[in-house]
Amino acid sequence: MLPDIVESIYGEGMKEKLQENIRMITARINSRNSSVFWESERNIEYVYTFLKRKQIVEKNTDEDLTKWIEYFEKDKPVAALDFWYEIHKGAHETLKDF
């Protein structure tokens, strides 16, 4: 939607220039991605609490969310590492096109 808006404001050809700039910026950001797992119990608890809040306060009944919460309740450190890896993998998969 944004590329179409930019092109309607700034004229023909600007959509492609914007998309090229987005690709370049995304590649630069991702090239320096050296994320590490958040090992502290406090960080793990923060993520678990966020997931529980999504379920209880926002009444999210997503099956995957429920599975993650159950996994955290069984073994928080292992669940946290697996959750972090899935997020990390998702970021790489999303950005690989750029």
PDB file of N, CA and C in Angstrom:
ATOM      1  N   MET A   1       0.816  -1.177   0.000  1.00  0.00           N
ATOM      2  CA  MET A   1       0.000   0.000   0.000  1.00  0.00           C
ATOM      3  C   MET A   1       0.876   1.264   0.000  1.00  0.00           C
ATOM      4  N   LEU A   2       1.912   1.272   0.828  1.00  0.00           N
ATOM      5  CA  LEU A   2       2.789   2.440   0.902  1.00  0.00           C
ATOM      6  C   LEU A   2       3.442   2.761  -0.440  1.00  0.00           C
ATOM      7  N   PRO A   3       3.965   1.763  -1.169  1.00  0.00           N
ATOM      8  CA  PRO A   3       4.549   2.091  -2.476  1.00  0.00           C
ATOM      9  C   PRO A   3       3.551   2.766  -3.419  1.00  0.00           C
ATOM     10  N   ASP A   4       2.302   2.321  -3.394  1.00  0.00           N
ATOM     11  CA  ASP A   4       1.280   2.943  -4.246  1.00  0.00           C
ATOM     12  C   ASP A   4       1.021   4.390  -3.833  1.00  0.00           C
ATOM     13  N   ILE A   5       1.005   4.630  -2.530  1.00  0.00           N
ATOM     14  CA  ILE A   5       0.794   5.996  -2.032  1.00  0.00           C
ATOM     15  C   ILE A   5       1.951   6.895  -2.455  1.00  0.00           C
ATOM     16  N   VAL A   6       3.177   6.391  -2.276  1.00  0.00           N
ATOM     17  CA  VAL A   6       4.363   7.172  -2.649  1.00  0.00           C
ATOM     18  C   VAL A   6       4.331   7.497  -4.133  1.00  0.00           C
ATOM     19  N   GLU A   7       3.979   6.519  -4.948  1.00  0.00           N
ATOM     20  CA  GLU A   7       3.931   6.756  -6.394  1.00  0.00           C
ATOM     21  C   GLU A   7       2.843   7.767  -6.763  1.00  0.00           C
ATOM     22  N   SER A   8       1.700   7.700  -6.089  1.00  0.00           N
ATOM     23  CA  SER A   8       0.630   8.658  -6.407  1.00  0.00           C
ATOM     24  C   SER A   8       1.010  10.083  -6.002  1.00  0.00           C
ATOM     25  N   ILE A   9       1.850  10.213  -4.972  1.00  0.00           N
ATOM     26  CA  ILE A   9       2.267  11.550  -4.530  1.00  0.00           C
ATOM     27  C   ILE A   9       3.442  12.067  -5.352  1.00  0.00           C
ATOM     28  N   TYR A  10       4.460  11.221  -5.561  1.00  0.00           N
ATOM     29  CA  TYR A  10       5.717  11.675  -6.175  1.00  0.00           C
ATOM     30  C   TYR A  10       5.866  11.336  -7.654  1.00  0.00           C
ATOM     31  N   GLY A  11       4.941  10.570  -8.192  1.00  0.00           N
ATOM     32  CA  GLY A  11       4.974  10.318  -9.625  1.00  0.00           C
ATOM     33  C   GLY A  11       5.457   8.930 -10.005  1.00  0.00           C
ATOM     34  N   GLU A  12       5.374   8.688 -11.297  1.00  0.00           N
ATOM     35  CA  GLU A  12       5.703   7.383 -11.863  1.00  0.00           C
ATOM     36  C   GLU A  12       7.164   7.016 -11.620  1.00  0.00           C
ATOM     37  N   GLY A  13       7.403   5.748 -11.344  1.00  0.00           N
ATOM     38  CA  GLY A  13       8.757   5.257 -11.130  1.00  0.00           C
ATOM     39  C   GLY A  13       9.210   5.307  -9.684  1.00  0.00           C
ATOM     40  N   MET A  14       8.489   6.036  -8.863  1.00  0.00           N
ATOM     41  CA  MET A  14       8.892   6.161  -7.460  1.00  0.00           C
ATOM     42  C   MET A  14       8.587   4.894  -6.660  1.00  0.00           C
ATOM     43  N   LYS A  15       7.605   4.139  -7.116  1.00  0.00           N
ATOM     44  CA  LYS A  15       7.252   2.893  -6.438  1.00  0.00           C
ATOM     45  C   LYS A  15       8.440   1.934  -6.468  1.00  0.00           C
ATOM     46  N   GLU A  16       9.060   1.801  -7.633  1.00  0.00           N
ATOM     47  CA  GLU A  16      10.207   0.907  -7.788  1.00  0.00           C
ATOM     48  C   GLU A  16      11.404   1.405  -6.976  1.00  0.00           C
ATOM     49  N   LYS A  17      11.626   2.718  -6.976  1.00  0.00           N
ATOM     50  CA  LYS A  17      12.740   3.278  -6.203  1.00  0.00           C
ATOM     51  C   LYS A  17      12.544   3.028  -4.710  1.00  0.00           C
ATOM     52  N   LEU A  18      11.320   3.199  -4.238  1.00  0.00           N
ATOM     53  CA  LEU A  18      11.027   2.950  -2.825  1.00  0.00           C
ATOM     54  C   LEU A  18      11.273   1.486  -2.481  1.00  0.00           C
ATOM     55  N   GLN A  19      10.788   0.579  -3.316  1.00  0.00           N
ATOM     56  CA  GLN A  19      10.965  -0.844  -3.043  1.00  0.00           C
ATOM     57  C   GLN A  19      12.441  -1.235  -3.063  1.00  0.00           C
ATOM     58  N   GLU A  20      13.218  -0.641  -3.940  1.00  0.00           N
ATOM     59  CA  GLU A  20      14.654  -0.911  -3.985  1.00  0.00           C
ATOM     60  C   GLU A  20      15.329  -0.405  -2.713  1.00  0.00           C
ATOM     61  N   ASN A  21      14.945   0.770  -2.262  1.00  0.00           N
ATOM     62  CA  ASN A  21      15.502   1.302  -1.014  1.00  0.00           C
ATOM     63  C   ASN A  21      15.121   0.437   0.184  1.00  0.00           C
ATOM     64  N   ILE A  22      13.894  -0.054   0.203  1.00  0.00           N
ATOM     65  CA  ILE A  22      13.457  -0.943   1.284  1.00  0.00           C
ATOM     66  C   ILE A  22      14.295  -2.215   1.277  1.00  0.00           C
ATOM     67  N   ARG A  23      14.540  -2.790   0.097  1.00  0.00           N
ATOM     68  CA  ARG A  23      15.370  -3.998  -0.008  1.00  0.00           C
ATOM     69  C   ARG A  23      16.780  -3.741   0.512  1.00  0.00           C
ATOM     70  N   MET A  24      17.352  -2.596   0.144  1.00  0.00           N
ATOM     71  CA  MET A  24      18.710  -2.268   0.562  1.00  0.00           C
ATOM     72  C   MET A  24      18.788  -2.090   2.085  1.00  0.00           C
ATOM     73  N   ILE A  25      17.850  -1.361   2.653  1.00  0.00           N
ATOM     74  CA  ILE A  25      17.845  -1.135   4.100  1.00  0.00           C
ATOM     75  C   ILE A  25      17.632  -2.442   4.848  1.00  0.00           C
ATOM     76  N   THR A  26      16.714  -3.260   4.373  1.00  0.00           N
ATOM     77  CA  THR A  26      16.443  -4.547   5.014  1.00  0.00           C
ATOM     78  C   THR A  26      17.673  -5.437   4.979  1.00  0.00           C
ATOM     79  N   ALA A  27      18.360  -5.476   3.856  1.00  0.00           N
ATOM     80  CA  ALA A  27      19.577  -6.289   3.741  1.00  0.00           C
ATOM     81  C   ALA A  27      20.642  -5.807   4.712  1.00  0.00           C
ATOM     82  N   ARG A  28      20.788  -4.504   4.849  1.00  0.00           N
ATOM     83  CA  ARG A  28      21.786  -3.960   5.784  1.00  0.00           C
ATOM     84  C   ARG A  28      21.441  -4.304   7.223  1.00  0.00           C
ATOM     85  N   ILE A  29      20.185  -4.154   7.581  1.00  0.00           N
ATOM     86  CA  ILE A  29      19.765  -4.477   8.952  1.00  0.00           C
ATOM     87  C   ILE A  29      19.978  -5.956   9.232  1.00  0.00           C
ATOM     88  N   ASN A  30      19.556  -6.811   8.305  1.00  0.00           N
ATOM     89  CA  ASN A  30      19.659  -8.250   8.519  1.00  0.00           C
ATOM     90  C   ASN A  30      21.107  -8.729   8.492  1.00  0.00           C
ATOM     91  N   SER A  31      21.967  -8.070   7.753  1.00  0.00           N
ATOM     92  CA  SER A  31      23.362  -8.510   7.669  1.00  0.00           C
ATOM     93  C   SER A  31      24.080  -8.359   9.005  1.00  0.00           C
ATOM     94  N   ARG A  32      23.613  -7.486   9.839  1.00  0.00           N
ATOM     95  CA  ARG A  32      24.223  -7.291  11.160  1.00  0.00           C
ATOM     96  C   ARG A  32      23.442  -8.000  12.260  1.00  0.00           C
ATOM     97  N   ASN A  33      22.530  -8.850  11.871  1.00  0.00           N
ATOM     98  CA  ASN A  33      21.715  -9.565  12.845  1.00  0.00           C
ATOM     99  C   ASN A  33      22.559 -10.619  13.544  1.00  0.00           C
ATOM    100  N   SER A  34      22.880 -10.366  14.773  1.00  0.00           N
ATOM    101  CA  SER A  34      23.640 -11.341  15.560  1.00  0.00           C
ATOM    102  C   SER A  34      22.903 -11.590  16.868  1.00  0.00           C
ATOM    103  N   SER A  35      21.631 -11.894  16.743  1.00  0.00           N
ATOM    104  CA  SER A  35      20.808 -12.081  17.930  1.00  0.00           C
ATOM    105  C   SER A  35      21.261 -13.299  18.724  1.00  0.00           C
ATOM    106  N   VAL A  36      21.073 -13.211  20.016  1.00  0.00           N
ATOM    107  CA  VAL A  36      21.433 -14.304  20.922  1.00  0.00           C
ATOM    108  C   VAL A  36      20.235 -14.621  21.801  1.00  0.00           C
ATOM    109  N   PHE A  37      20.197 -15.844  22.254  1.00  0.00           N
ATOM    110  CA  PHE A  37      19.110 -16.306  23.113  1.00  0.00           C
ATOM    111  C   PHE A  37      19.133 -15.570  24.447  1.00  0.00           C
ATOM    112  N   TRP A  38      17.956 -15.164  24.913  1.00  0.00           N
ATOM    113  CA  TRP A  38      17.829 -14.475  26.200  1.00  0.00           C
ATOM    114  C   TRP A  38      17.711 -15.528  27.291  1.00  0.00           C
ATOM    115  N   GLU A  39      18.807 -15.787  27.984  1.00  0.00           N
ATOM    116  CA  GLU A  39      18.883 -16.916  28.904  1.00  0.00           C
ATOM    117  C   GLU A  39      18.321 -16.667  30.297  1.00  0.00           C
ATOM    118  N   SER A  40      18.238 -15.439  30.727  1.00  0.00           N
ATOM    119  CA  SER A  40      17.860 -15.209  32.124  1.00  0.00           C
ATOM    120  C   SER A  40      16.421 -15.640  32.396  1.00  0.00           C
ATOM    121  N   GLU A  41      16.212 -16.117  33.611  1.00  0.00           N
ATOM    122  CA  GLU A  41      14.884 -16.561  34.037  1.00  0.00           C
ATOM    123  C   GLU A  41      13.873 -15.415  33.940  1.00  0.00           C
ATOM    124  N   ARG A  42      14.335 -14.227  34.209  1.00  0.00           N
ATOM    125  CA  ARG A  42      13.447 -13.061  34.153  1.00  0.00           C
ATOM    126  C   ARG A  42      12.930 -12.828  32.730  1.00  0.00           C
ATOM    127  N   ASN A  43      13.795 -12.942  31.753  1.00  0.00           N
ATOM    128  CA  ASN A  43      13.371 -12.775  30.359  1.00  0.00           C
ATOM    129  C   ASN A  43      12.427 -13.888  29.933  1.00  0.00           C
ATOM    130  N   ILE A  44      12.733 -15.098  30.364  1.00  0.00           N
ATOM    131  CA  ILE A  44      11.866 -16.238  30.038  1.00  0.00           C
ATOM    132  C   ILE A  44      10.481 -16.028  30.645  1.00  0.00           C
ATOM    133  N   GLU A  45      10.452 -15.570  31.878  1.00  0.00           N
ATOM    134  CA  GLU A  45       9.180 -15.304  32.557  1.00  0.00           C
ATOM    135  C   GLU A  45       8.406 -14.191  31.846  1.00  0.00           C
ATOM    136  N   TYR A  46       9.119 -13.212  31.348  1.00  0.00           N
ATOM    137  CA  TYR A  46       8.490 -12.110  30.618  1.00  0.00           C
ATOM    138  C   TYR A  46       7.776 -12.633  29.364  1.00  0.00           C
ATOM    139  N   VAL A  47       8.437 -13.500  28.619  1.00  0.00           N
ATOM    140  CA  VAL A  47       7.838 -14.063  27.402  1.00  0.00           C
ATOM    141  C   VAL A  47       6.633 -14.929  27.762  1.00  0.00           C
ATOM    142  N   TYR A  48       6.787 -15.766  28.781  1.00  0.00           N
ATOM    143  CA  TYR A  48       5.682 -16.623  29.225  1.00  0.00           C
ATOM    144  C   TYR A  48       4.474 -15.771  29.642  1.00  0.00           C
ATOM    145  N   THR A  49       4.730 -14.707  30.396  1.00  0.00           N
ATOM    146  CA  THR A  49       3.656 -13.820  30.845  1.00  0.00           C
ATOM    147  C   THR A  49       2.973 -13.142  29.661  1.00  0.00           C
ATOM    148  N   PHE A  50       3.760 -12.760  28.667  1.00  0.00           N
ATOM    149  CA  PHE A  50       3.193 -12.167  27.455  1.00  0.00           C
ATOM    150  C   PHE A  50       2.241 -13.155  26.776  1.00  0.00           C
ATOM    151  N   LEU A  51       2.658 -14.404  26.647  1.00  0.00           N
ATOM    152  CA  LEU A  51       1.818 -15.415  26.006  1.00  0.00           C
ATOM    153  C   LEU A  51       0.531 -15.642  26.798  1.00  0.00           C
ATOM    154  N   LYS A  52       0.664 -15.740  28.122  1.00  0.00           N
ATOM    155  CA  LYS A  52      -0.519 -15.936  28.974  1.00  0.00           C
ATOM    156  C   LYS A  52      -1.478 -14.750  28.849  1.00  0.00           C
ATOM    157  N   ARG A  53      -0.926 -13.558  28.788  1.00  0.00           N
ATOM    158  CA  ARG A  53      -1.759 -12.355  28.663  1.00  0.00           C
ATOM    159  C   ARG A  53      -2.533 -12.372  27.344  1.00  0.00           C
ATOM    160  N   LYS A  54      -1.870 -12.792  26.266  1.00  0.00           N
ATOM    161  CA  LYS A  54      -2.558 -12.902  24.974  1.00  0.00           C
ATOM    162  C   LYS A  54      -3.764 -13.824  25.100  1.00  0.00           C
ATOM    163  N   GLN A  55      -3.591 -14.905  25.851  1.00  0.00           N
ATOM    164  CA  GLN A  55      -4.656 -15.888  25.990  1.00  0.00           C
ATOM    165  C   GLN A  55      -5.773 -15.394  26.916  1.00  0.00           C
ATOM    166  N   ILE A  56      -5.417 -14.841  28.062  1.00  0.00           N
ATOM    167  CA  ILE A  56      -6.412 -14.490  29.073  1.00  0.00           C
ATOM    168  C   ILE A  56      -7.041 -13.121  28.821  1.00  0.00           C
ATOM    169  N   VAL A  57      -6.217 -12.103  28.709  1.00  0.00           N
ATOM    170  CA  VAL A  57      -6.735 -10.735  28.583  1.00  0.00           C
ATOM    171  C   VAL A  57      -7.328 -10.487  27.204  1.00  0.00           C
ATOM    172  N   GLU A  58      -6.605 -10.907  26.174  1.00  0.00           N
ATOM    173  CA  GLU A  58      -7.078 -10.669  24.811  1.00  0.00           C
ATOM    174  C   GLU A  58      -7.975 -11.788  24.294  1.00  0.00           C
ATOM    175  N   LYS A  59      -8.164 -12.809  25.131  1.00  0.00           N
ATOM    176  CA  LYS A  59      -9.037 -13.947  24.804  1.00  0.00           C
ATOM    177  C   LYS A  59      -8.673 -14.609  23.473  1.00  0.00           C
ATOM    178  N   ASN A  60      -7.381 -14.760  23.262  1.00  0.00           N
ATOM    179  CA  ASN A  60      -6.880 -15.410  22.058  1.00  0.00           C
ATOM    180  C   ASN A  60      -6.924 -16.921  22.280  1.00  0.00           C
ATOM    181  N   THR A  61      -7.666 -17.630  21.451  1.00  0.00           N
ATOM    182  CA  THR A  61      -7.824 -19.076  21.611  1.00  0.00           C
ATOM    183  C   THR A  61      -7.046 -19.863  20.561  1.00  0.00           C
ATOM    184  N   ASP A  62      -6.050 -19.231  19.970  1.00  0.00           N
ATOM    185  CA  ASP A  62      -5.239 -19.882  18.942  1.00  0.00           C
ATOM    186  C   ASP A  62      -4.612 -21.167  19.484  1.00  0.00           C
ATOM    187  N   GLU A  63      -4.694 -22.222  18.700  1.00  0.00           N
ATOM    188  CA  GLU A  63      -4.190 -23.529  19.116  1.00  0.00           C
ATOM    189  C   GLU A  63      -2.678 -23.508  19.355  1.00  0.00           C
ATOM    190  N   ASP A  64      -1.942 -22.821  18.494  1.00  0.00           N
ATOM    191  CA  ASP A  64      -0.489 -22.730  18.666  1.00  0.00           C
ATOM    192  C   ASP A  64      -0.131 -21.992  19.951  1.00  0.00           C
ATOM    193  N   LEU A  65      -0.862 -20.946  20.258  1.00  0.00           N
ATOM    194  CA  LEU A  65      -0.623 -20.202  21.493  1.00  0.00           C
ATOM    195  C   LEU A  65      -0.824 -21.108  22.699  1.00  0.00           C
ATOM    196  N   THR A  66      -1.882 -21.879  22.695  1.00  0.00           N
ATOM    197  CA  THR A  66      -2.156 -22.801  23.798  1.00  0.00           C
ATOM    198  C   THR A  66      -1.039 -23.830  23.935  1.00  0.00           C
ATOM    199  N   LYS A  67      -0.549 -24.351  22.813  1.00  0.00           N
ATOM    200  CA  LYS A  67       0.547 -25.330  22.857  1.00  0.00           C
ATOM    201  C   LYS A  67       1.815 -24.719  23.446  1.00  0.00           C
ATOM    202  N   TRP A  68       2.128 -23.478  23.061  1.00  0.00           N
ATOM    203  CA  TRP A  68       3.321 -22.822  23.602  1.00  0.00           C
ATOM    204  C   TRP A  68       3.185 -22.605  25.106  1.00  0.00           C
ATOM    205  N   ILE A  69       2.022 -22.184  25.544  1.00  0.00           N
ATOM    206  CA  ILE A  69       1.810 -21.960  26.980  1.00  0.00           C
ATOM    207  C   ILE A  69       1.974 -23.267  27.747  1.00  0.00           C
ATOM    208  N   GLU A  70       1.388 -24.339  27.238  1.00  0.00           N
ATOM    209  CA  GLU A  70       1.529 -25.646  27.897  1.00  0.00           C
ATOM    210  C   GLU A  70       2.988 -26.087  27.926  1.00  0.00           C
ATOM    211  N   TYR A  71       3.703 -25.845  26.854  1.00  0.00           N
ATOM    212  CA  TYR A  71       5.122 -26.196  26.775  1.00  0.00           C
ATOM    213  C   TYR A  71       5.920 -25.404  27.816  1.00  0.00           C
ATOM    214  N   PHE A  72       5.646 -24.108  27.926  1.00  0.00           N
ATOM    215  CA  PHE A  72       6.315 -23.276  28.928  1.00  0.00           C
ATOM    216  C   PHE A  72       6.012 -23.778  30.338  1.00  0.00           C
ATOM    217  N   GLU A  73       4.790 -24.216  30.569  1.00  0.00           N
ATOM    218  CA  GLU A  73       4.411 -24.690  31.903  1.00  0.00           C
ATOM    219  C   GLU A  73       5.090 -26.008  32.252  1.00  0.00           C
ATOM    220  N   LYS A  74       5.433 -26.806  31.242  1.00  0.00           N
ATOM    221  CA  LYS A  74       6.140 -28.073  31.484  1.00  0.00           C
ATOM    222  C   LYS A  74       7.623 -27.864  31.730  1.00  0.00           C
ATOM    223  N   ASP A  75       8.254 -27.070  30.868  1.00  0.00           N
ATOM    224  CA  ASP A  75       9.713 -26.885  30.952  1.00  0.00           C
ATOM    225  C   ASP A  75      10.083 -25.524  30.371  1.00  0.00           C
ATOM    226  N   LYS A  76      10.102 -24.513  31.220  1.00  0.00           N
ATOM    227  CA  LYS A  76      10.316 -23.139  30.745  1.00  0.00           C
ATOM    228  C   LYS A  76      11.623 -22.933  29.992  1.00  0.00           C
ATOM    229  N   PRO A  77      12.771 -23.370  30.517  1.00  0.00           N
ATOM    230  CA  PRO A  77      14.022 -23.092  29.790  1.00  0.00           C
ATOM    231  C   PRO A  77      14.060 -23.709  28.385  1.00  0.00           C
ATOM    232  N   VAL A  78      13.608 -24.938  28.265  1.00  0.00           N
ATOM    233  CA  VAL A  78      13.620 -25.607  26.956  1.00  0.00           C
ATOM    234  C   VAL A  78      12.589 -24.966  26.026  1.00  0.00           C
ATOM    235  N   ALA A  79      11.407 -24.687  26.552  1.00  0.00           N
ATOM    236  CA  ALA A  79      10.365 -24.042  25.746  1.00  0.00           C
ATOM    237  C   ALA A  79      10.826 -22.667  25.281  1.00  0.00           C
ATOM    238  N   ALA A  80      11.500 -21.947  26.163  1.00  0.00           N
ATOM    239  CA  ALA A  80      11.979 -20.606  25.812  1.00  0.00           C
ATOM    240  C   ALA A  80      12.989 -20.672  24.669  1.00  0.00           C
ATOM    241  N   LEU A  81      13.906 -21.619  24.737  1.00  0.00           N
ATOM    242  CA  LEU A  81      14.899 -21.763  23.668  1.00  0.00           C
ATOM    243  C   LEU A  81      14.222 -22.122  22.347  1.00  0.00           C
ATOM    244  N   ASP A  82      13.282 -23.051  22.389  1.00  0.00           N
ATOM    245  CA  ASP A  82      12.560 -23.435  21.174  1.00  0.00           C
ATOM    246  C   ASP A  82      11.736 -22.270  20.620  1.00  0.00           C
ATOM    247  N   PHE A  83      11.100 -21.516  21.511  1.00  0.00           N
ATOM    248  CA  PHE A  83      10.314 -20.355  21.094  1.00  0.00           C
ATOM    249  C   PHE A  83      11.216 -19.313  20.449  1.00  0.00           C
ATOM    250  N   TRP A  84      12.352 -19.030  21.100  1.00  0.00           N
ATOM    251  CA  TRP A  84      13.306 -18.058  20.556  1.00  0.00           C
ATOM    252  C   TRP A  84      13.775 -18.506  19.165  1.00  0.00           C
ATOM    253  N   TYR A  85      14.074 -19.803  19.024  1.00  0.00           N
ATOM    254  CA  TYR A  85      14.552 -20.310  17.743  1.00  0.00           C
ATOM    255  C   TYR A  85      13.490 -20.130  16.656  1.00  0.00           C
ATOM    256  N   GLU A  86      12.238 -20.396  16.985  1.00  0.00           N
ATOM    257  CA  GLU A  86      11.158 -20.234  16.001  1.00  0.00           C
ATOM    258  C   GLU A  86      11.014 -18.772  15.579  1.00  0.00           C
ATOM    259  N   ILE A  87      11.126 -17.853  16.521  1.00  0.00           N
ATOM    260  CA  ILE A  87      11.061 -16.423  16.204  1.00  0.00           C
ATOM    261  C   ILE A  87      12.250 -16.031  15.331  1.00  0.00           C
ATOM    262  N   HIS A  88      13.429 -16.500  15.717  1.00  0.00           N
ATOM    263  CA  HIS A  88      14.662 -16.209  14.979  1.00  0.00           C
ATOM    264  C   HIS A  88      14.569 -16.740  13.543  1.00  0.00           C
ATOM    265  N   LYS A  89      14.102 -17.974  13.419  1.00  0.00           N
ATOM    266  CA  LYS A  89      13.946 -18.603  12.106  1.00  0.00           C
ATOM    267  C   LYS A  89      12.922 -17.842  11.260  1.00  0.00           C
ATOM    268  N   GLY A  90      11.828 -17.426  11.881  1.00  0.00           N
ATOM    269  CA  GLY A  90      10.801 -16.669  11.168  1.00  0.00           C
ATOM    270  C   GLY A  90      11.318 -15.341  10.639  1.00  0.00           C
ATOM    271  N   ALA A  91      12.147 -14.683  11.431  1.00  0.00           N
ATOM    272  CA  ALA A  91      12.730 -13.412  10.985  1.00  0.00           C
ATOM    273  C   ALA A  91      13.618 -13.639   9.771  1.00  0.00           C
ATOM    274  N   HIS A  92      14.429 -14.693   9.812  1.00  0.00           N
ATOM    275  CA  HIS A  92      15.303 -14.987   8.670  1.00  0.00           C
ATOM    276  C   HIS A  92      14.499 -15.355   7.426  1.00  0.00           C
ATOM    277  N   GLU A  93      13.447 -16.155   7.604  1.00  0.00           N
ATOM    278  CA  GLU A  93      12.623 -16.548   6.465  1.00  0.00           C
ATOM    279  C   GLU A  93      11.919 -15.340   5.850  1.00  0.00           C
ATOM    280  N   THR A  94      11.480 -14.428   6.690  1.00  0.00           N
ATOM    281  CA  THR A  94      10.794 -13.235   6.204  1.00  0.00           C
ATOM    282  C   THR A  94      11.745 -12.324   5.445  1.00  0.00           C
ATOM    283  N   LEU A  95      12.965 -12.194   5.950  1.00  0.00           N
ATOM    284  CA  LEU A  95      13.913 -11.253   5.367  1.00  0.00           C
ATOM    285  C   LEU A  95      14.743 -11.837   4.227  1.00  0.00           C
ATOM    286  N   LYS A  96      14.668 -13.139   3.990  1.00  0.00           N
ATOM    287  CA  LYS A  96      15.513 -13.737   2.948  1.00  0.00           C
ATOM    288  C   LYS A  96      15.171 -13.225   1.550  1.00  0.00           C
ATOM    289  N   ASP A  97      13.944 -12.786   1.360  1.00  0.00           N
ATOM    290  CA  ASP A  97      13.542 -12.257   0.055  1.00  0.00           C
ATOM    291  C   ASP A  97      14.139 -10.888  -0.215  1.00  0.00           C
ATOM    292  N   PHE A  98      14.625 -10.241   0.835  1.00  0.00           N
ATOM    293  CA  PHE A  98      15.202  -8.913   0.676  1.00  0.00           C
ATOM    294  C   PHE A  98      16.693  -9.035   0.553  1.00  0.00           C
TER     295      PHE A  98
END
